[in-house]
Structures are given as structure tokens and as C-alpha cells.
Protein backbone atom coordinates (compact mmCIF):
# COMPACT_ATOMS: atom_id res chain seq x y z
CA UNK A 1 238.66 197.97 165.20
CA UNK A 2 235.56 197.21 163.38
CA UNK A 3 235.88 200.85 161.82
CA UNK A 4 239.39 200.81 161.16
CA UNK A 5 239.05 197.79 158.79
CA UNK A 6 236.20 199.44 157.13
CA UNK A 7 238.31 202.49 156.33
CA UNK A 8 240.79 200.08 155.18
CA UNK A 9 238.54 198.42 152.90
CA UNK A 10 237.02 201.82 151.55
CA UNK A 11 240.80 203.12 150.67
CA UNK A 12 241.65 199.51 148.87
CA UNK A 13 238.75 200.11 146.64
CA UNK A 14 239.59 203.73 146.06
CA UNK A 15 243.34 202.49 145.17
CA UNK A 16 241.76 199.76 142.95
CA UNK A 17 239.75 202.24 141.15
CA UNK A 18 242.49 204.61 140.53
CA UNK A 19 244.66 201.84 139.04
CA UNK A 20 241.88 200.66 136.73
CA UNK A 21 241.40 204.36 135.60
CA UNK A 22 245.27 204.47 134.99
CA UNK A 23 245.37 201.69 133.06
CA UNK A 24 242.59 202.74 130.76
CA UNK A 25 243.74 206.26 130.79
CA UNK A 26 244.24 206.47 127.17
CA UNK A 27 240.55 205.94 126.50
CA UNK A 28 238.20 208.89 125.65
CA UNK A 29 235.94 210.20 122.69
CA UNK A 30 238.31 211.34 120.16
CA UNK A 31 239.40 209.54 117.02
CA UNK A 32 242.13 209.24 114.41
CA UNK A 33 242.15 207.56 111.02
CA UNK A 34 244.81 207.38 108.19
CA UNK A 35 246.17 206.08 105.03
CA UNK A 36 249.34 204.11 104.50
CA UNK A 37 251.10 204.17 100.97
CA UNK A 38 254.23 203.35 99.34
CA UNK A 39 256.49 205.73 97.61
CA UNK A 40 254.78 204.83 94.25
CA UNK A 41 251.56 205.56 96.18
CA UNK A 42 250.22 202.20 96.27
CA UNK A 43 248.38 201.27 99.29
CA UNK A 44 249.91 199.30 102.13
CA UNK A 45 247.97 196.53 104.01
CA UNK A 46 249.03 194.90 106.94
CA UNK A 47 250.84 197.64 108.63
CA UNK A 48 250.92 197.81 112.20
CA UNK A 49 249.88 200.99 113.67
CA UNK A 50 250.82 201.41 117.28
CA UNK A 51 249.52 204.44 119.30
CA UNK A 52 250.66 205.28 122.51
CA UNK A 53 249.81 208.26 124.84
CA UNK A 54 252.59 209.04 127.06
CA UNK A 55 250.79 211.03 129.53
CA UNK A 56 248.54 207.93 130.22
CA UNK A 57 251.39 205.46 129.62
CA UNK A 58 248.90 203.43 127.51
CA UNK A 59 248.09 202.73 123.87
CA UNK A 60 246.97 200.00 121.67
CA UNK A 61 247.35 199.01 117.89
CA UNK A 62 245.69 198.22 114.65
CA UNK A 63 246.53 197.24 111.08
CA UNK A 64 245.99 198.78 107.63
CA UNK A 65 243.33 197.14 105.62
CA UNK A 66 243.63 196.21 101.69
CA UNK A 67 243.17 199.86 101.00
CA UNK A 68 246.02 200.91 103.22
CA UNK A 69 243.52 202.56 105.38
CA UNK A 70 243.14 202.24 109.40
CA UNK A 71 240.99 204.09 112.25
CA UNK A 72 240.90 204.13 115.93
CA UNK A 73 238.24 205.55 118.00
CA UNK A 74 237.87 206.12 121.53
CA UNK A 75 240.92 207.83 122.47
CA UNK A 76 241.70 210.51 124.65
CA UNK A 77 242.76 213.95 124.09
CA UNK A 78 246.52 214.81 124.16
CA UNK A 79 249.73 214.33 122.12
CA UNK A 80 250.12 210.79 120.82
CA UNK A 81 252.84 209.05 119.50
CA UNK A 82 252.10 206.92 116.44
CA UNK A 83 254.52 204.38 114.76
CA UNK A 84 254.14 202.64 111.51
CA UNK A 85 256.03 199.14 111.25
CA UNK A 86 255.94 196.70 108.33
CA UNK A 87 258.83 194.23 107.39
CA UNK A 88 260.71 195.25 104.44
CA UNK A 89 260.29 199.01 105.05
CA UNK A 90 261.63 201.55 107.11
CA UNK A 91 259.68 202.25 110.37
CA UNK A 92 258.29 205.74 110.80
CA UNK A 93 257.22 207.70 113.94
CA UNK A 94 255.19 210.71 113.78
CA UNK A 95 253.19 212.88 116.49
CA UNK A 96 249.54 213.45 116.61
CA UNK A 97 247.53 216.02 118.79
CA UNK A 98 243.93 215.08 119.30
CA UNK A 99 240.98 216.74 120.83
CA UNK A 100 238.26 215.15 121.97
CA UNK A 101 234.86 215.70 120.00
CA UNK A 102 237.03 217.31 117.20
CA UNK A 103 237.82 215.28 114.22
CA UNK A 104 241.10 215.65 112.83
CA UNK A 105 242.02 215.21 109.07
CA UNK A 106 243.23 212.03 107.74
CA UNK A 107 246.71 211.23 108.34
CA UNK A 108 248.65 210.22 105.27
CA UNK A 109 251.72 208.57 105.53
CA UNK A 110 254.29 207.18 103.24
CA UNK A 111 256.60 204.22 104.13
CA UNK A 112 260.05 203.54 102.10
CA UNK A 113 261.36 200.34 101.24
CA UNK A 114 264.12 199.33 103.92
CA UNK A 115 267.75 199.05 102.40
CA UNK A 116 268.58 195.21 101.52
CA UNK A 117 270.03 193.66 104.56
CA UNK A 118 273.76 193.09 103.49
CA UNK A 119 273.96 189.53 105.86
CA UNK A 120 271.02 188.35 103.87
CA UNK A 121 272.62 189.13 100.62
CA UNK A 122 275.55 187.81 101.71
CA UNK A 123 274.17 184.69 102.90
CA UNK A 124 272.08 184.21 99.69
CA UNK A 125 275.26 184.48 97.35
CA UNK A 126 277.26 182.40 99.63
CA UNK A 127 274.95 179.41 99.15
CA UNK A 128 274.98 180.31 95.39
CA UNK A 129 278.57 179.95 95.56
CA UNK A 130 278.59 176.77 97.55
CA UNK A 131 275.91 175.00 94.86
CA UNK A 132 278.62 175.81 92.24
CA UNK A 133 281.30 174.55 93.83
CA UNK A 134 279.06 171.33 94.41
CA UNK A 135 278.64 171.18 90.70
CA UNK A 136 282.66 171.79 90.30
CA UNK A 137 281.61 174.88 88.49
CA UNK A 138 284.74 176.45 90.39
CA UNK A 139 285.32 179.88 88.15
CA UNK A 140 281.72 180.56 88.55
CA UNK A 141 281.89 180.49 92.17
CA UNK A 142 284.87 182.47 92.45
CA UNK A 143 283.45 185.01 90.62
CA UNK A 144 280.64 185.09 93.05
CA UNK A 145 282.94 185.40 95.99
CA UNK A 146 284.93 188.08 94.37
CA UNK A 147 282.00 190.14 93.15
CA UNK A 148 280.80 189.99 97.07
CA UNK A 149 284.50 191.02 98.28
CA UNK A 150 284.44 193.87 95.75
CA UNK A 151 280.73 195.04 97.31
CA UNK A 152 281.74 194.53 100.75
CA UNK A 153 285.59 194.51 101.39
CA UNK A 154 285.20 194.88 104.76
CA UNK A 155 283.76 191.35 105.16
CA UNK A 156 287.22 189.95 105.08
CA UNK A 157 285.89 186.65 106.13
CA UNK A 158 285.17 185.92 102.58
CA UNK A 159 288.71 185.18 101.86
CA UNK A 160 288.31 181.91 103.90
CA UNK A 161 285.33 180.71 101.59
CA UNK A 162 287.63 181.67 98.53
CA UNK A 163 290.34 179.49 100.22
CA UNK A 164 287.95 176.66 100.46
CA UNK A 165 286.92 176.83 96.73
CA UNK A 166 290.57 176.60 95.67
CA UNK A 167 291.19 174.14 97.89
CA UNK A 168 288.22 172.08 96.36
CA UNK A 169 289.46 172.95 92.76
CA UNK A 170 293.19 171.63 93.75
CA UNK A 171 294.43 175.11 93.26
CA UNK A 172 296.51 175.31 96.60
CA UNK A 173 298.70 178.20 95.55
CA UNK A 174 295.73 180.50 95.35
CA UNK A 175 294.51 178.66 98.51
CA UNK A 176 297.09 179.76 100.39
CA UNK A 177 297.21 183.21 99.17
CA UNK A 178 293.70 183.69 100.01
CA UNK A 179 294.60 182.22 103.70
CA UNK A 180 297.32 184.76 103.70
CA UNK A 181 295.09 187.75 102.89
CA UNK A 182 292.64 186.65 105.89
CA UNK A 183 295.29 186.52 108.26
CA UNK A 184 296.34 190.21 107.34
CA UNK A 185 292.99 191.15 109.28
CA UNK A 186 293.15 188.45 111.93
CA UNK A 187 296.66 187.38 112.54
CA UNK A 188 296.36 185.58 115.86
CA UNK A 189 293.66 183.24 114.34
CA UNK A 190 295.09 179.81 115.29
CA UNK A 191 293.21 177.41 113.21
CA UNK A 192 293.77 179.49 110.00
CA UNK A 193 297.54 179.66 110.86
CA UNK A 194 297.62 176.00 111.42
CA UNK A 195 295.71 175.41 108.30
CA UNK A 196 297.91 177.76 106.29
CA UNK A 197 301.21 176.47 107.59
CA UNK A 198 300.31 173.16 106.86
CA UNK A 199 299.15 173.83 103.29
CA UNK A 200 302.63 175.50 102.75
CA UNK A 201 304.22 172.52 104.10
CA UNK A 202 302.44 170.18 101.56
CA UNK A 203 303.00 172.51 98.67
CA UNK A 204 306.72 172.07 99.47
CA UNK A 205 307.25 175.29 101.04
CA UNK A 206 308.37 173.68 104.26
CA UNK A 207 310.47 176.43 105.71
CA UNK A 208 307.84 179.09 105.62
CA UNK A 209 305.02 176.54 106.95
CA UNK A 210 307.13 175.47 109.69
CA UNK A 211 307.65 179.31 110.47
CA UNK A 212 304.10 179.89 110.23
CA UNK A 213 303.41 176.79 112.69
CA UNK A 214 306.16 178.06 114.94
CA UNK A 215 304.67 181.36 115.52
CA UNK A 216 301.24 179.86 117.04
CA UNK A 217 300.50 180.57 120.66
CA UNK A 218 299.82 177.15 121.82
CA UNK A 219 298.19 178.29 125.00
CA UNK A 220 295.53 179.64 122.86
CA UNK A 221 294.53 176.20 121.36
CA UNK A 222 291.68 174.73 123.51
CA UNK A 223 290.62 171.68 121.31
CA UNK A 224 292.73 168.59 120.57
CA UNK A 225 291.32 168.33 117.17
CA UNK A 226 292.86 171.45 115.85
CA UNK A 227 296.58 169.89 116.58
CA UNK A 228 295.54 166.23 115.35
CA UNK A 229 293.91 167.75 112.09
CA UNK A 230 297.45 169.06 111.23
CA UNK A 231 299.08 166.13 111.93
CA UNK A 232 296.78 164.05 109.99
CA UNK A 233 297.07 166.08 107.00
CA UNK A 234 300.90 166.00 107.10
CA UNK A 235 300.57 162.34 107.78
CA UNK A 236 298.32 162.14 104.55
CA UNK A 237 301.24 163.98 102.44
CA UNK A 238 303.74 161.19 103.62
CA UNK A 239 305.43 163.51 106.17
CA UNK A 240 305.39 161.17 109.21
CA UNK A 241 308.15 163.07 111.41
CA UNK A 242 306.49 166.46 110.72
CA UNK A 243 303.14 164.80 111.64
CA UNK A 244 304.77 163.17 114.86
CA UNK A 245 305.27 166.89 116.10
CA UNK A 246 301.63 167.45 116.15
CA UNK A 247 300.75 164.12 117.51
CA UNK A 248 303.18 164.86 120.27
CA UNK A 249 301.69 168.33 120.92
CA UNK A 250 298.19 166.80 121.26
CA UNK A 251 299.27 164.24 123.78
CA UNK A 252 301.14 166.78 125.70
CA UNK A 253 298.33 169.36 126.02
CA UNK A 254 295.76 166.89 126.16
CA UNK A 255 296.69 163.65 127.67
CA UNK A 256 293.22 162.05 128.12
CA UNK A 257 292.53 162.34 124.16
CA UNK A 258 292.58 158.91 123.10
CA UNK A 259 292.79 159.54 119.21
CA UNK A 260 296.03 161.39 119.86
CA UNK A 261 297.66 158.14 120.92
CA UNK A 262 296.24 156.06 117.81
CA UNK A 263 297.59 158.31 115.17
CA UNK A 264 300.97 158.66 117.19
CA UNK A 265 301.10 154.99 117.49
CA UNK A 266 300.33 154.21 113.75
CA UNK A 267 302.79 157.09 112.94
CA UNK A 268 305.73 155.53 115.32
CA UNK A 269 304.89 152.54 113.49
CA UNK A 270 305.36 153.97 109.94
CA UNK A 271 308.54 155.88 110.79
CA UNK A 272 310.14 152.73 112.68
CA UNK A 273 309.58 150.57 109.81
CA UNK A 274 311.09 152.84 107.21
CA UNK A 275 314.20 153.41 109.40
CA UNK A 276 314.44 149.56 110.48
CA UNK A 277 316.80 148.57 107.41
CA UNK A 278 319.34 151.54 107.93
CA UNK A 279 319.13 152.06 111.71
CA UNK A 280 317.79 149.33 113.64
CA UNK A 281 318.18 150.89 117.16
CA UNK A 282 316.29 153.91 116.07
CA UNK A 283 313.73 151.97 114.08
CA UNK A 284 313.05 149.71 117.27
CA UNK A 285 312.69 152.77 119.20
CA UNK A 286 309.76 154.08 117.22
CA UNK A 287 308.30 150.65 116.82
CA UNK A 288 308.04 150.25 120.84
CA UNK A 289 306.67 153.71 121.32
CA UNK A 290 304.19 153.08 118.56
CA UNK A 291 303.15 149.90 120.08
CA UNK A 292 303.00 151.40 123.74
CA UNK A 293 300.57 154.28 122.15
CA UNK A 294 298.27 151.55 120.43
CA UNK A 295 298.08 149.79 123.39
CA UNK A 296 297.05 152.84 125.70
CA UNK A 297 294.54 153.88 122.83
CA UNK A 298 292.88 150.42 123.06
CA UNK A 299 292.91 150.47 127.01
CA UNK A 300 291.33 154.13 126.78
CA UNK A 301 288.72 153.77 123.98
CA UNK A 302 288.01 149.71 123.30
CA UNK A 303 284.72 150.54 121.63
CA UNK A 304 286.32 153.35 119.16
CA UNK A 305 285.68 152.81 115.57
CA UNK A 306 289.82 152.39 115.09
CA UNK A 307 290.06 149.95 118.17
CA UNK A 308 290.08 146.73 115.83
CA UNK A 309 292.59 148.20 113.56
CA UNK A 310 294.80 149.37 116.71
CA UNK A 311 294.36 145.37 117.99
CA UNK A 312 294.97 143.80 114.60
CA UNK A 313 298.69 145.65 114.52
CA UNK A 314 299.44 144.84 118.02
CA UNK A 315 298.95 141.39 117.23
CA UNK A 316 301.23 141.57 114.29
CA UNK A 317 303.79 143.09 116.45
CA UNK A 318 304.02 140.21 118.90
């Protein structure tokens, strides 16, 4: 039994030594060196030079100095894979054959500037346009957007930024036009269809706006604020009955969303007050439903910022 353990111990030592040799299998007595420049011949400092010997499954890396030079000694013979990497430049890969004890010529490498990243360009120009909008320089902001769109026509999402800029300027007809252009590429975008439809209604194009809103697949709406925001927009345009439709949708789809009851409640009170002089029965119906919605809202969200106003309105209705 003692002999068996001794044999096993020797075997384990051999395996360990073999593993260690494999891990450093790229080590040897060879040498390679080189110089990296840009396309104008200027030395490139800080280039990462990664060397890898597939036969040994190992390698290392060095960086170029201020003269663009690099050197690596103590490498094994064989066919090496050499990668050159530097931010802002296209990566390069070459193959180098090394024979130990035979010095190879200096490896001259030229790296090309990488093409600008379109995403970075667009992000920078979008920020520039946003700053111009904040300064109310709408025409200049639109010029930036239009130049981007001409250069990157496939980035149709720019139409949303154009629409927002027109909205800030108060040019709602142009805003709607931009939103429609966006929908040509993304016709099932629920939020944009809701926004477009409500903007159409606000500009007096009620029929087209309502058709747009009716075409929406409501099953795809997963956030109650989407319905609610359209209702608030219509309410702000003094269209309480149209707004009521969307507050009804909010509560039907999201019955636990307290804000839906608040806005439907104040809208019911507004409609009821308007109807009461000419149609007392209809007015009372809206007033009672508005009162019920506000009561439910206060029960659901007693600490909400709107709760004091809701309580005040309920007090006035007693």
C-alpha cells in the first residue's frame, strides 16, 4: 500500500510539472521587436501589442513607447499571432514566424484611423440641438436635425426629436407631420400613435385624430400613464368628454391606478357643472360619478399630492 501511494505521488508531481510547462510553453530564447506608426509616419505611443502562440495556447502583451517601438524577448519558436490595438485606430493582426537564436527584422506596422462612430456623432449633434432648443434657437436646432437626417436617413428615430423641437416652438402642424413620418417606419408604436392622435385633435383635426386613436391595439399598452397622459392633454385643451374616454380606459385596464380616479373625478365634475344648467339629470349623473371617483382616489392614495385638493372638492359637494 505504501508503494502504491508513492507511485501516485510521483505521478501527481509529473502531471503538475507538465501543467506548469504547458502554461509557459510560449517561453523560449527567441526575440521579436517592432515599430508602429500612423498613416503619416508618426510614431504611435501606447499601442497594445498582444502576442499569442497557438501551438502553446499562451502569450503576453507589451505597449509601444513614445517612439512607437516595442520589443519582446524570451519567446519560443513558432508561428505567432500578433495583434495591434489602440483606441481610435483600426485593429491589426499579423502572423510572425520566430526561430529561436535567429534575430528577425524589425516589424514595421502602420495603423489607420478608425472611422468615426456614427452613434457618437449623432449623440453629440443631438446634444447640440437640444442646447439650441433650450436657448429657443429653433431654426438652428432644426437645421442640425435635418443635416443629421440627410446624412443618416436610416435613423428614422430622428423624426421624434424633430417633432419635439416643433412642439417646443409651438409649430404643431409641423410636429404632426414629423410624427407621421416616424409612424411610416414604426406604424405599431402605441405611444407615438397616441401622441399623434391627441395632437391632431388639439389642432382641430378631430376626425383624423380619433381614427388614429381608434386604430391602437390597446392590449399592447402596459403602462397606465400612456392613457392618462392623453386624457390630461385633451383636458388641458378643454375637451373633457374626449378626455373622459381615456380616463375610462385607464381605469378599465388598470383599476388599481389611483391617479386614473382622480382625473376621471375632476373631469366628471367639470362635465356635470357644464351640463347642469341645461340638463340637470345628466349633470347630476356626472357630478355623482365624479364624487365617487374622488372618494375612491382619497381612499386609495390618502397621502398623494392631489389628495388635499380632492378632499376640498368633496367637501364643497356636501
